[in-house]
């Protein structure tokens, strides 16, 4: 089982802003996904869950769901080619919290596929 380790996360503000300034943006139903090619051998994820989503419980649920979707994508056999690894920023939308997990997962994978595709 893959884990969402520190090496899989965007942690510093400058990492988030680099993706937001120089990355591509894909709007999906349950989130907005931004991506920027990195020089690492793995994808990394940062999550933005603003207070517009709701209280702390709601924001934490949204973040847990996005981390789990990302973690499932890290399973063996689902890894991207080394030249297409991305730093990702997922901005949660209000609908993400109550949507069935399978739909959130499909939405994330579709947005990620669109980010990895040709410009």
PDB file of N, CA and C in Angstrom:
ATOM      1  N   UNK A   1       0.840  -1.172   0.000  1.00  0.00           N
ATOM      2  CA  UNK A   1       0.000   0.000   0.000  1.00  0.00           C
ATOM      3  C   UNK A   1       0.891   1.244   0.000  1.00  0.00           C
ATOM      4  N   UNK A   2       0.596   2.176  -0.862  1.00  0.00           N
ATOM      5  CA  UNK A   2       1.335   3.429  -0.898  1.00  0.00           C
ATOM      6  C   UNK A   2       0.813   4.360   0.181  1.00  0.00           C
ATOM      7  N   UNK A   3       1.707   5.159   0.687  1.00  0.00           N
ATOM      8  CA  UNK A   3       1.323   6.138   1.691  1.00  0.00           C
ATOM      9  C   UNK A   3       1.520   7.533   1.140  1.00  0.00           C
ATOM     10  N   UNK A   4       0.839   8.473   1.729  1.00  0.00           N
ATOM     11  CA  UNK A   4       0.960   9.872   1.357  1.00  0.00           C
ATOM     12  C   UNK A   4       2.035  10.468   2.255  1.00  0.00           C
ATOM     13  N   UNK A   5       3.302  10.231   1.902  1.00  0.00           N
ATOM     14  CA  UNK A   5       4.426  10.626   2.735  1.00  0.00           C
ATOM     15  C   UNK A   5       4.785  12.094   2.523  1.00  0.00           C
ATOM     16  N   UNK A   6       5.728  12.565   3.306  1.00  0.00           N
ATOM     17  CA  UNK A   6       6.171  13.961   3.188  1.00  0.00           C
ATOM     18  C   UNK A   6       6.745  14.243   1.804  1.00  0.00           C
ATOM     19  N   UNK A   7       7.362  13.253   1.181  1.00  0.00           N
ATOM     20  CA  UNK A   7       7.912  13.430  -0.157  1.00  0.00           C
ATOM     21  C   UNK A   7       6.859  13.538  -1.234  1.00  0.00           C
ATOM     22  N   UNK A   8       5.620  13.214  -0.910  1.00  0.00           N
ATOM     23  CA  UNK A   8       4.512  13.281  -1.860  1.00  0.00           C
ATOM     24  C   UNK A   8       3.713  14.565  -1.729  1.00  0.00           C
ATOM     25  N   UNK A   9       4.128  15.448  -0.843  1.00  0.00           N
ATOM     26  CA  UNK A   9       3.348  16.653  -0.549  1.00  0.00           C
ATOM     27  C   UNK A   9       4.050  17.918  -1.005  1.00  0.00           C
ATOM     28  N   UNK A  10       3.255  18.888  -1.379  1.00  0.00           N
ATOM     29  CA  UNK A  10       3.736  20.258  -1.495  1.00  0.00           C
ATOM     30  C   UNK A  10       3.524  20.861  -0.118  1.00  0.00           C
ATOM     31  N   UNK A  11       4.566  21.426   0.443  1.00  0.00           N
ATOM     32  CA  UNK A  11       4.446  21.885   1.820  1.00  0.00           C
ATOM     33  C   UNK A  11       4.656  23.390   1.963  1.00  0.00           C
ATOM     34  N   UNK A  12       5.602  23.930   1.232  1.00  0.00           N
ATOM     35  CA  UNK A  12       5.955  25.341   1.404  1.00  0.00           C
ATOM     36  C   UNK A  12       5.132  26.236   0.489  1.00  0.00           C
ATOM     37  N   UNK A  13       4.931  27.439   0.914  1.00  0.00           N
ATOM     38  CA  UNK A  13       4.149  28.401   0.134  1.00  0.00           C
ATOM     39  C   UNK A  13       4.748  28.611  -1.248  1.00  0.00           C
ATOM     40  N   UNK A  14       6.067  28.668  -1.359  1.00  0.00           N
ATOM     41  CA  UNK A  14       6.693  28.903  -2.659  1.00  0.00           C
ATOM     42  C   UNK A  14       6.431  27.754  -3.627  1.00  0.00           C
ATOM     43  N   UNK A  15       6.233  26.541  -3.114  1.00  0.00           N
ATOM     44  CA  UNK A  15       5.892  25.415  -3.986  1.00  0.00           C
ATOM     45  C   UNK A  15       4.475  25.580  -4.543  1.00  0.00           C
ATOM     46  N   UNK A  16       3.545  25.989  -3.702  1.00  0.00           N
ATOM     47  CA  UNK A  16       2.175  26.234  -4.143  1.00  0.00           C
ATOM     48  C   UNK A  16       2.127  27.364  -5.169  1.00  0.00           C
ATOM     49  N   UNK A  17       2.811  28.466  -4.871  1.00  0.00           N
ATOM     50  CA  UNK A  17       2.755  29.611  -5.772  1.00  0.00           C
ATOM     51  C   UNK A  17       3.437  29.321  -7.100  1.00  0.00           C
ATOM     52  N   UNK A  18       4.482  28.493  -7.098  1.00  0.00           N
ATOM     53  CA  UNK A  18       5.138  28.124  -8.357  1.00  0.00           C
ATOM     54  C   UNK A  18       4.166  27.379  -9.260  1.00  0.00           C
ATOM     55  N   UNK A  19       3.377  26.476  -8.692  1.00  0.00           N
ATOM     56  CA  UNK A  19       2.385  25.729  -9.482  1.00  0.00           C
ATOM     57  C   UNK A  19       1.277  26.672  -9.942  1.00  0.00           C
ATOM     58  N   UNK A  20       0.819  27.547  -9.070  1.00  0.00           N
ATOM     59  CA  UNK A  20      -0.262  28.456  -9.420  1.00  0.00           C
ATOM     60  C   UNK A  20       0.161  29.472 -10.471  1.00  0.00           C
ATOM     61  N   UNK A  21       1.417  29.902 -10.435  1.00  0.00           N
ATOM     62  CA  UNK A  21       1.889  30.914 -11.385  1.00  0.00           C
ATOM     63  C   UNK A  21       2.277  30.325 -12.735  1.00  0.00           C
ATOM     64  N   UNK A  22       2.935  29.165 -12.738  1.00  0.00           N
ATOM     65  CA  UNK A  22       3.496  28.631 -13.980  1.00  0.00           C
ATOM     66  C   UNK A  22       2.830  27.342 -14.446  1.00  0.00           C
ATOM     67  N   UNK A  23       1.814  26.876 -13.724  1.00  0.00           N
ATOM     68  CA  UNK A  23       1.196  25.604 -14.073  1.00  0.00           C
ATOM     69  C   UNK A  23      -0.024  25.754 -14.966  1.00  0.00           C
ATOM     70  N   UNK A  24      -0.506  24.600 -15.418  1.00  0.00           N
ATOM     71  CA  UNK A  24      -1.741  24.555 -16.201  1.00  0.00           C
ATOM     72  C   UNK A  24      -2.903  24.320 -15.249  1.00  0.00           C
ATOM     73  N   UNK A  25      -4.083  24.803 -15.634  1.00  0.00           N
ATOM     74  CA  UNK A  25      -5.277  24.713 -14.794  1.00  0.00           C
ATOM     75  C   UNK A  25      -6.355  23.929 -15.530  1.00  0.00           C
ATOM     76  N   UNK A  26      -6.978  22.983 -14.805  1.00  0.00           N
ATOM     77  CA  UNK A  26      -8.090  22.223 -15.352  1.00  0.00           C
ATOM     78  C   UNK A  26      -9.236  22.307 -14.353  1.00  0.00           C
ATOM     79  N   UNK A  27     -10.381  22.785 -14.821  1.00  0.00           N
ATOM     80  CA  UNK A  27     -11.569  22.857 -13.965  1.00  0.00           C
ATOM     81  C   UNK A  27     -12.340  21.558 -14.107  1.00  0.00           C
ATOM     82  N   UNK A  28     -12.679  20.965 -12.983  1.00  0.00           N
ATOM     83  CA  UNK A  28     -13.473  19.740 -12.954  1.00  0.00           C
ATOM     84  C   UNK A  28     -14.698  19.999 -12.078  1.00  0.00           C
ATOM     85  N   UNK A  29     -15.564  19.022 -11.988  1.00  0.00           N
ATOM     86  CA  UNK A  29     -16.821  19.220 -11.263  1.00  0.00           C
ATOM     87  C   UNK A  29     -16.610  19.421  -9.764  1.00  0.00           C
ATOM     88  N   UNK A  30     -15.710  18.641  -9.171  1.00  0.00           N
ATOM     89  CA  UNK A  30     -15.535  18.665  -7.724  1.00  0.00           C
ATOM     90  C   UNK A  30     -14.278  19.385  -7.257  1.00  0.00           C
ATOM     91  N   UNK A  31     -13.443  19.815  -8.194  1.00  0.00           N
ATOM     92  CA  UNK A  31     -12.199  20.481  -7.826  1.00  0.00           C
ATOM     93  C   UNK A  31     -11.628  21.213  -9.027  1.00  0.00           C
ATOM     94  N   UNK A  32     -10.696  22.085  -8.767  1.00  0.00           N
ATOM     95  CA  UNK A  32      -9.858  22.668  -9.801  1.00  0.00           C
ATOM     96  C   UNK A  32      -8.471  22.095  -9.567  1.00  0.00           C
ATOM     97  N   UNK A  33      -7.869  21.571 -10.612  1.00  0.00           N
ATOM     98  CA  UNK A  33      -6.566  20.936 -10.489  1.00  0.00           C
ATOM     99  C   UNK A  33      -5.545  21.736 -11.292  1.00  0.00           C
ATOM    100  N   UNK A  34      -4.468  22.123 -10.637  1.00  0.00           N
ATOM    101  CA  UNK A  34      -3.378  22.835 -11.290  1.00  0.00           C
ATOM    102  C   UNK A  34      -2.172  21.913 -11.297  1.00  0.00           C
ATOM    103  N   UNK A  35      -1.419  21.918 -12.378  1.00  0.00           N
ATOM    104  CA  UNK A  35      -0.263  21.043 -12.460  1.00  0.00           C
ATOM    105  C   UNK A  35       0.904  21.702 -13.149  1.00  0.00           C
ATOM    106  N   UNK A  36       2.088  21.368 -12.698  1.00  0.00           N
ATOM    107  CA  UNK A  36       3.336  21.880 -13.270  1.00  0.00           C
ATOM    108  C   UNK A  36       4.341  20.732 -13.268  1.00  0.00           C
ATOM    109  N   UNK A  37       5.013  20.529 -14.377  1.00  0.00           N
ATOM    110  CA  UNK A  37       5.996  19.450 -14.483  1.00  0.00           C
ATOM    111  C   UNK A  37       7.111  19.690 -13.472  1.00  0.00           C
ATOM    112  N   UNK A  38       7.511  18.605 -12.784  1.00  0.00           N
ATOM    113  CA  UNK A  38       8.624  18.713 -11.839  1.00  0.00           C
ATOM    114  C   UNK A  38       9.777  17.816 -12.298  1.00  0.00           C
ATOM    115  N   UNK A  39      10.904  17.915 -11.639  1.00  0.00           N
ATOM    116  CA  UNK A  39      12.091  17.142 -12.010  1.00  0.00           C
ATOM    117  C   UNK A  39      12.269  15.927 -11.112  1.00  0.00           C
ATOM    118  N   UNK A  40      11.247  15.565 -10.380  1.00  0.00           N
ATOM    119  CA  UNK A  40      11.335  14.428  -9.463  1.00  0.00           C
ATOM    120  C   UNK A  40      10.842  13.160 -10.148  1.00  0.00           C
ATOM    121  N   UNK A  41      10.912  12.056  -9.454  1.00  0.00           N
ATOM    122  CA  UNK A  41      10.448  10.784 -10.012  1.00  0.00           C
ATOM    123  C   UNK A  41       9.037  10.446  -9.560  1.00  0.00           C
ATOM    124  N   UNK A  42       8.355  11.392  -8.959  1.00  0.00           N
ATOM    125  CA  UNK A  42       6.998  11.132  -8.457  1.00  0.00           C
ATOM    126  C   UNK A  42       6.169  12.409  -8.516  1.00  0.00           C
ATOM    127  N   UNK A  43       4.867  12.215  -8.518  1.00  0.00           N
ATOM    128  CA  UNK A  43       3.950  13.345  -8.410  1.00  0.00           C
ATOM    129  C   UNK A  43       3.911  13.805  -6.959  1.00  0.00           C
ATOM    130  N   UNK A  44       3.619  15.091  -6.772  1.00  0.00           N
ATOM    131  CA  UNK A  44       3.410  15.625  -5.427  1.00  0.00           C
ATOM    132  C   UNK A  44       2.096  16.386  -5.426  1.00  0.00           C
ATOM    133  N   UNK A  45       1.428  16.413  -4.283  1.00  0.00           N
ATOM    134  CA  UNK A  45       0.118  17.034  -4.182  1.00  0.00           C
ATOM    135  C   UNK A  45       0.080  18.049  -3.056  1.00  0.00           C
ATOM    136  N   UNK A  46      -0.536  19.186  -3.337  1.00  0.00           N
ATOM    137  CA  UNK A  46      -0.878  20.171  -2.327  1.00  0.00           C
ATOM    138  C   UNK A  46      -2.376  20.407  -2.410  1.00  0.00           C
ATOM    139  N   UNK A  47      -3.013  20.631  -1.289  1.00  0.00           N
ATOM    140  CA  UNK A  47      -4.469  20.775  -1.251  1.00  0.00           C
ATOM    141  C   UNK A  47      -4.832  22.132  -0.665  1.00  0.00           C
ATOM    142  N   UNK A  48      -5.787  22.787  -1.324  1.00  0.00           N
ATOM    143  CA  UNK A  48      -6.326  24.050  -0.828  1.00  0.00           C
ATOM    144  C   UNK A  48      -7.798  23.812  -0.512  1.00  0.00           C
ATOM    145  N   UNK A  49      -8.166  24.009   0.752  1.00  0.00           N
ATOM    146  CA  UNK A  49      -9.557  23.888   1.180  1.00  0.00           C
ATOM    147  C   UNK A  49      -9.882  25.150   1.971  1.00  0.00           C
ATOM    148  N   UNK A  50     -10.452  26.125   1.300  1.00  0.00           N
ATOM    149  CA  UNK A  50     -10.694  27.419   1.932  1.00  0.00           C
ATOM    150  C   UNK A  50     -11.902  27.371   2.862  1.00  0.00           C
ATOM    151  N   UNK A  51     -12.074  28.418   3.612  1.00  0.00           N
ATOM    152  CA  UNK A  51     -13.202  28.499   4.541  1.00  0.00           C
ATOM    153  C   UNK A  51     -14.541  28.575   3.830  1.00  0.00           C
ATOM    154  N   UNK A  52     -14.517  28.853   2.539  1.00  0.00           N
ATOM    155  CA  UNK A  52     -15.768  28.859   1.767  1.00  0.00           C
ATOM    156  C   UNK A  52     -16.420  27.482   1.761  1.00  0.00           C
ATOM    157  N   UNK A  53     -15.617  26.423   1.962  1.00  0.00           N
ATOM    158  CA  UNK A  53     -16.161  25.062   2.002  1.00  0.00           C
ATOM    159  C   UNK A  53     -17.040  24.846   3.221  1.00  0.00           C
ATOM    160  N   UNK A  54     -16.647  25.422   4.332  1.00  0.00           N
ATOM    161  CA  UNK A  54     -17.376  25.222   5.573  1.00  0.00           C
ATOM    162  C   UNK A  54     -16.409  25.254   6.740  1.00  0.00           C
ATOM    163  N   UNK A  55     -16.849  24.672   7.845  1.00  0.00           N
ATOM    164  CA  UNK A  55     -16.032  24.638   9.050  1.00  0.00           C
ATOM    165  C   UNK A  55     -14.862  23.680   8.928  1.00  0.00           C
ATOM    166  N   UNK A  56     -14.115  23.562  10.003  1.00  0.00           N
ATOM    167  CA  UNK A  56     -12.914  22.739  10.003  1.00  0.00           C
ATOM    168  C   UNK A  56     -13.220  21.276   9.691  1.00  0.00           C
ATOM    169  N   UNK A  57     -14.318  20.759  10.187  1.00  0.00           N
ATOM    170  CA  UNK A  57     -14.676  19.361   9.948  1.00  0.00           C
ATOM    171  C   UNK A  57     -14.894  19.119   8.452  1.00  0.00           C
ATOM    172  N   UNK A  58     -15.589  20.023   7.808  1.00  0.00           N
ATOM    173  CA  UNK A  58     -15.875  19.897   6.375  1.00  0.00           C
ATOM    174  C   UNK A  58     -14.592  20.031   5.563  1.00  0.00           C
ATOM    175  N   UNK A  59     -13.759  20.997   5.907  1.00  0.00           N
ATOM    176  CA  UNK A  59     -12.498  21.192   5.175  1.00  0.00           C
ATOM    177  C   UNK A  59     -11.588  19.983   5.334  1.00  0.00           C
ATOM    178  N   UNK A  60     -11.509  19.436   6.537  1.00  0.00           N
ATOM    179  CA  UNK A  60     -10.666  18.264   6.758  1.00  0.00           C
ATOM    180  C   UNK A  60     -11.187  17.048   6.011  1.00  0.00           C
ATOM    181  N   UNK A  61     -12.495  16.895   5.929  1.00  0.00           N
ATOM    182  CA  UNK A  61     -13.064  15.775   5.164  1.00  0.00           C
ATOM    183  C   UNK A  61     -12.697  15.906   3.687  1.00  0.00           C
ATOM    184  N   UNK A  62     -12.796  17.115   3.152  1.00  0.00           N
ATOM    185  CA  UNK A  62     -12.430  17.342   1.748  1.00  0.00           C
ATOM    186  C   UNK A  62     -10.965  16.994   1.518  1.00  0.00           C
ATOM    187  N   UNK A  63     -10.088  17.411   2.419  1.00  0.00           N
ATOM    188  CA  UNK A  63      -8.656  17.124   2.272  1.00  0.00           C
ATOM    189  C   UNK A  63      -8.378  15.626   2.381  1.00  0.00           C
ATOM    190  N   UNK A  64      -9.043  14.950   3.306  1.00  0.00           N
ATOM    191  CA  UNK A  64      -8.860  13.493   3.440  1.00  0.00           C
ATOM    192  C   UNK A  64      -9.270  12.772   2.163  1.00  0.00           C
ATOM    193  N   UNK A  65     -10.374  13.200   1.576  1.00  0.00           N
ATOM    194  CA  UNK A  65     -10.857  12.555   0.345  1.00  0.00           C
ATOM    195  C   UNK A  65      -9.871  12.779  -0.803  1.00  0.00           C
ATOM    196  N   UNK A  66      -9.354  13.978  -0.938  1.00  0.00           N
ATOM    197  CA  UNK A  66      -8.396  14.258  -2.007  1.00  0.00           C
ATOM    198  C   UNK A  66      -7.086  13.508  -1.794  1.00  0.00           C
ATOM    199  N   UNK A  67      -6.621  13.424  -0.560  1.00  0.00           N
ATOM    200  CA  UNK A  67      -5.402  12.649  -0.290  1.00  0.00           C
ATOM    201  C   UNK A  67      -5.596  11.182  -0.644  1.00  0.00           C
ATOM    202  N   UNK A  68      -6.758  10.636  -0.324  1.00  0.00           N
ATOM    203  CA  UNK A  68      -7.013   9.223  -0.615  1.00  0.00           C
ATOM    204  C   UNK A  68      -7.080   8.977  -2.120  1.00  0.00           C
ATOM    205  N   UNK A  69      -7.708   9.865  -2.858  1.00  0.00           N
ATOM    206  CA  UNK A  69      -7.763   9.728  -4.317  1.00  0.00           C
ATOM    207  C   UNK A  69      -6.346   9.757  -4.884  1.00  0.00           C
ATOM    208  N   UNK A  70      -5.534  10.696  -4.421  1.00  0.00           N
ATOM    209  CA  UNK A  70      -4.155  10.800  -4.887  1.00  0.00           C
ATOM    210  C   UNK A  70      -3.364   9.551  -4.512  1.00  0.00           C
ATOM    211  N   UNK A  71      -3.524   9.092  -3.270  1.00  0.00           N
ATOM    212  CA  UNK A  71      -2.805   7.908  -2.793  1.00  0.00           C
ATOM    213  C   UNK A  71      -3.138   6.679  -3.634  1.00  0.00           C
ATOM    214  N   UNK A  72      -4.393   6.523  -3.989  1.00  0.00           N
ATOM    215  CA  UNK A  72      -4.785   5.380  -4.836  1.00  0.00           C
ATOM    216  C   UNK A  72      -4.133   5.454  -6.211  1.00  0.00           C
ATOM    217  N   UNK A  73      -3.885   6.651  -6.689  1.00  0.00           N
ATOM    218  CA  UNK A  73      -3.203   6.812  -7.968  1.00  0.00           C
ATOM    219  C   UNK A  73      -1.728   6.478  -7.901  1.00  0.00           C
ATOM    220  N   UNK A  74      -1.176   6.384  -6.677  1.00  0.00           N
ATOM    221  CA  UNK A  74       0.239   6.050  -6.503  1.00  0.00           C
ATOM    222  C   UNK A  74       0.494   4.556  -6.478  1.00  0.00           C
ATOM    223  N   UNK A  75      -0.550   3.756  -6.524  1.00  0.00           N
ATOM    224  CA  UNK A  75      -0.370   2.306  -6.466  1.00  0.00           C
ATOM    225  C   UNK A  75       0.476   1.831  -7.635  1.00  0.00           C
ATOM    226  N   UNK A  76       1.227   0.747  -7.459  1.00  0.00           N
ATOM    227  CA  UNK A  76       2.069   0.234  -8.543  1.00  0.00           C
ATOM    228  C   UNK A  76       1.259  -0.002  -9.808  1.00  0.00           C
ATOM    229  N   UNK A  77       1.861   0.332 -10.931  1.00  0.00           N
ATOM    230  CA  UNK A  77       1.169   0.182 -12.210  1.00  0.00           C
ATOM    231  C   UNK A  77       0.437   1.440 -12.633  1.00  0.00           C
ATOM    232  N   UNK A  78       0.263   2.379 -11.723  1.00  0.00           N
ATOM    233  CA  UNK A  78      -0.448   3.618 -12.043  1.00  0.00           C
ATOM    234  C   UNK A  78       0.506   4.806 -12.098  1.00  0.00           C
ATOM    235  N   UNK A  79       1.792   4.541 -12.000  1.00  0.00           N
ATOM    236  CA  UNK A  79       2.772   5.627 -11.978  1.00  0.00           C
ATOM    237  C   UNK A  79       2.955   6.227 -13.368  1.00  0.00           C
ATOM    238  N   UNK A  80       3.129   7.552 -13.422  1.00  0.00           N
ATOM    239  CA  UNK A  80       3.330   8.217 -14.712  1.00  0.00           C
ATOM    240  C   UNK A  80       4.755   8.014 -15.208  1.00  0.00           C
ATOM    241  N   UNK A  81       5.007   8.251 -16.491  1.00  0.00           N
ATOM    242  CA  UNK A  81       6.383   8.231 -16.976  1.00  0.00           C
ATOM    243  C   UNK A  81       7.202   9.295 -16.246  1.00  0.00           C
ATOM    244  N   UNK A  82       8.472   9.038 -16.045  1.00  0.00           N
ATOM    245  CA  UNK A  82       9.312   9.942 -15.245  1.00  0.00           C
ATOM    246  C   UNK A  82       9.370  11.353 -15.817  1.00  0.00           C
ATOM    247  N   UNK A  83       9.220  11.509 -17.132  1.00  0.00           N
ATOM    248  CA  UNK A  83       9.298  12.847 -17.714  1.00  0.00           C
ATOM    249  C   UNK A  83       7.982  13.608 -17.619  1.00  0.00           C
ATOM    250  N   UNK A  84       6.933  13.009 -17.079  1.00  0.00           N
ATOM    251  CA  UNK A  84       5.631  13.670 -16.954  1.00  0.00           C
ATOM    252  C   UNK A  84       5.143  13.709 -15.509  1.00  0.00           C
ATOM    253  N   UNK A  85       6.047  13.685 -14.551  1.00  0.00           N
ATOM    254  CA  UNK A  85       5.616  13.804 -13.163  1.00  0.00           C
ATOM    255  C   UNK A  85       5.274  15.264 -12.883  1.00  0.00           C
ATOM    256  N   UNK A  86       4.294  15.453 -12.016  1.00  0.00           N
ATOM    257  CA  UNK A  86       3.743  16.794 -11.808  1.00  0.00           C
ATOM    258  C   UNK A  86       3.722  17.174 -10.336  1.00  0.00           C
ATOM    259  N   UNK A  87       3.846  18.459 -10.092  1.00  0.00           N
ATOM    260  CA  UNK A  87       3.453  19.046  -8.817  1.00  0.00           C
ATOM    261  C   UNK A  87       2.014  19.483  -9.025  1.00  0.00           C
ATOM    262  N   UNK A  88       1.114  19.018  -8.183  1.00  0.00           N
ATOM    263  CA  UNK A  88      -0.312  19.283  -8.332  1.00  0.00           C
ATOM    264  C   UNK A  88      -0.822  20.109  -7.162  1.00  0.00           C
ATOM    265  N   UNK A  89      -1.739  21.011  -7.445  1.00  0.00           N
ATOM    266  CA  UNK A  89      -2.481  21.720  -6.406  1.00  0.00           C
ATOM    267  C   UNK A  89      -3.955  21.466  -6.694  1.00  0.00           C
ATOM    268  N   UNK A  90      -4.646  20.861  -5.743  1.00  0.00           N
ATOM    269  CA  UNK A  90      -6.080  20.594  -5.873  1.00  0.00           C
ATOM    270  C   UNK A  90      -6.830  21.601  -5.007  1.00  0.00           C
ATOM    271  N   UNK A  91      -7.731  22.337  -5.643  1.00  0.00           N
ATOM    272  CA  UNK A  91      -8.567  23.303  -4.930  1.00  0.00           C
ATOM    273  C   UNK A  91      -9.962  22.705  -4.840  1.00  0.00           C
ATOM    274  N   UNK A  92     -10.366  22.363  -3.626  1.00  0.00           N
ATOM    275  CA  UNK A  92     -11.630  21.669  -3.408  1.00  0.00           C
ATOM    276  C   UNK A  92     -12.814  22.601  -3.631  1.00  0.00           C
ATOM    277  N   UNK A  93     -13.882  22.045  -4.204  1.00  0.00           N
ATOM    278  CA  UNK A  93     -15.149  22.754  -4.341  1.00  0.00           C
ATOM    279  C   UNK A  93     -16.129  22.194  -3.313  1.00  0.00           C
ATOM    280  N   UNK A  94     -17.144  22.955  -3.026  1.00  0.00           N
ATOM    281  CA  UNK A  94     -18.113  22.579  -2.000  1.00  0.00           C
ATOM    282  C   UNK A  94     -18.762  21.221  -2.265  1.00  0.00           C
ATOM    283  N   UNK A  95     -19.012  20.897  -3.529  1.00  0.00           N
ATOM    284  CA  UNK A  95     -19.693  19.654  -3.888  1.00  0.00           C
ATOM    285  C   UNK A  95     -18.867  18.405  -3.573  1.00  0.00           C
ATOM    286  N   UNK A  96     -17.558  18.551  -3.427  1.00  0.00           N
ATOM    287  CA  UNK A  96     -16.670  17.417  -3.192  1.00  0.00           C
ATOM    288  C   UNK A  96     -17.007  16.675  -1.910  1.00  0.00           C
ATOM    289  N   UNK A  97     -17.423  17.399  -0.900  1.00  0.00           N
ATOM    290  CA  UNK A  97     -17.630  16.817   0.422  1.00  0.00           C
ATOM    291  C   UNK A  97     -18.748  15.780   0.426  1.00  0.00           C
ATOM    292  N   UNK A  98     -19.836  16.032  -0.283  1.00  0.00           N
ATOM    293  CA  UNK A  98     -20.993  15.143  -0.237  1.00  0.00           C
ATOM    294  C   UNK A  98     -21.094  14.184  -1.419  1.00  0.00           C
ATOM    295  N   UNK A  99     -20.229  14.324  -2.398  1.00  0.00           N
ATOM    296  CA  UNK A  99     -20.303  13.489  -3.599  1.00  0.00           C
ATOM    297  C   UNK A  99     -19.828  12.073  -3.298  1.00  0.00           C
ATOM    298  N   UNK A 100     -20.378  11.083  -4.010  1.00  0.00           N
ATOM    299  CA  UNK A 100     -19.881   9.711  -3.851  1.00  0.00           C
ATOM    300  C   UNK A 100     -18.390   9.645  -4.190  1.00  0.00           C
ATOM    301  N   UNK A 101     -17.656   8.861  -3.411  1.00  0.00           N
ATOM    302  CA  UNK A 101     -16.203   8.811  -3.574  1.00  0.00           C
ATOM    303  C   UNK A 101     -15.797   8.367  -4.979  1.00  0.00           C
ATOM    304  N   UNK A 102     -16.515   7.439  -5.554  1.00  0.00           N
ATOM    305  CA  UNK A 102     -16.175   6.949  -6.896  1.00  0.00           C
ATOM    306  C   UNK A 102     -16.245   8.072  -7.931  1.00  0.00           C
ATOM    307  N   UNK A 103     -17.209   8.971  -7.783  1.00  0.00           N
ATOM    308  CA  UNK A 103     -17.312  10.100  -8.712  1.00  0.00           C
ATOM    309  C   UNK A 103     -16.174  11.097  -8.508  1.00  0.00           C
ATOM    310  N   UNK A 104     -15.798  11.323  -7.260  1.00  0.00           N
ATOM    311  CA  UNK A 104     -14.679  12.228  -6.968  1.00  0.00           C
ATOM    312  C   UNK A 104     -13.395  11.652  -7.548  1.00  0.00           C
ATOM    313  N   UNK A 105     -13.209  10.352  -7.375  1.00  0.00           N
ATOM    314  CA  UNK A 105     -12.009   9.694  -7.896  1.00  0.00           C
ATOM    315  C   UNK A 105     -11.958   9.765  -9.420  1.00  0.00           C
ATOM    316  N   UNK A 106     -13.067   9.506 -10.078  1.00  0.00           N
ATOM    317  CA  UNK A 106     -13.120   9.579 -11.540  1.00  0.00           C
ATOM    318  C   UNK A 106     -12.877  11.006 -12.016  1.00  0.00           C
ATOM    319  N   UNK A 107     -13.422  11.981 -11.311  1.00  0.00           N
ATOM    320  CA  UNK A 107     -13.239  13.387 -11.661  1.00  0.00           C
ATOM    321  C   UNK A 107     -11.767  13.780 -11.551  1.00  0.00           C
ATOM    322  N   UNK A 108     -11.118  13.351 -10.475  1.00  0.00           N
ATOM    323  CA  UNK A 108      -9.701  13.649 -10.274  1.00  0.00           C
ATOM    324  C   UNK A 108      -8.854  13.009 -11.370  1.00  0.00           C
ATOM    325  N   UNK A 109      -9.109  11.724 -11.655  1.00  0.00           N
ATOM    326  CA  UNK A 109      -8.316  11.024 -12.676  1.00  0.00           C
ATOM    327  C   UNK A 109      -8.508  11.651 -14.054  1.00  0.00           C
ATOM    328  N   UNK A 110      -9.722  12.057 -14.361  1.00  0.00           N
ATOM    329  CA  UNK A 110      -9.984  12.706 -15.646  1.00  0.00           C
ATOM    330  C   UNK A 110      -9.244  14.046 -15.743  1.00  0.00           C
ATOM    331  N   UNK A 111      -9.287  14.830 -14.682  1.00  0.00           N
ATOM    332  CA  UNK A 111      -8.581  16.109 -14.672  1.00  0.00           C
ATOM    333  C   UNK A 111      -7.075  15.891 -14.787  1.00  0.00           C
ATOM    334  N   UNK A 112      -6.558  14.885 -14.105  1.00  0.00           N
ATOM    335  CA  UNK A 112      -5.132  14.580 -14.159  1.00  0.00           C
ATOM    336  C   UNK A 112      -4.721  14.142 -15.560  1.00  0.00           C
ATOM    337  N   UNK A 113      -5.546  13.342 -16.195  1.00  0.00           N
ATOM    338  CA  UNK A 113      -5.282  12.905 -17.575  1.00  0.00           C
ATOM    339  C   UNK A 113      -5.224  14.114 -18.521  1.00  0.00           C
ATOM    340  N   UNK A 114      -6.139  15.064 -18.310  1.00  0.00           N
ATOM    341  CA  UNK A 114      -6.153  16.273 -19.138  1.00  0.00           C
ATOM    342  C   UNK A 114      -4.897  17.123 -18.898  1.00  0.00           C
ATOM    343  N   UNK A 115      -4.422  17.156 -17.648  1.00  0.00           N
ATOM    344  CA  UNK A 115      -3.189  17.895 -17.355  1.00  0.00           C
ATOM    345  C   UNK A 115      -1.969  17.254 -17.999  1.00  0.00           C
ATOM    346  N   UNK A 116      -1.903  15.934 -17.993  1.00  0.00           N
ATOM    347  CA  UNK A 116      -0.755  15.228 -18.560  1.00  0.00           C
ATOM    348  C   UNK A 116      -0.753  15.230 -20.082  1.00  0.00           C
ATOM    349  N   UNK A 117      -1.909  15.458 -20.683  1.00  0.00           N
ATOM    350  CA  UNK A 117      -2.020  15.414 -22.134  1.00  0.00           C
ATOM    351  C   UNK A 117      -1.249  16.523 -22.810  1.00  0.00           C
ATOM    352  N   UNK A 118      -1.247  16.516 -24.146  1.00  0.00           N
ATOM    353  CA  UNK A 118      -0.534  17.560 -24.877  1.00  0.00           C
ATOM    354  C   UNK A 118      -1.172  18.916 -24.646  1.00  0.00           C
ATOM    355  N   UNK A 119      -0.364  19.936 -24.750  1.00  0.00           N
ATOM    356  CA  UNK A 119      -0.866  21.300 -24.542  1.00  0.00           C
ATOM    357  C   UNK A 119      -1.852  21.714 -25.564  1.00  0.00           C
TER     358      UNK A 119
END
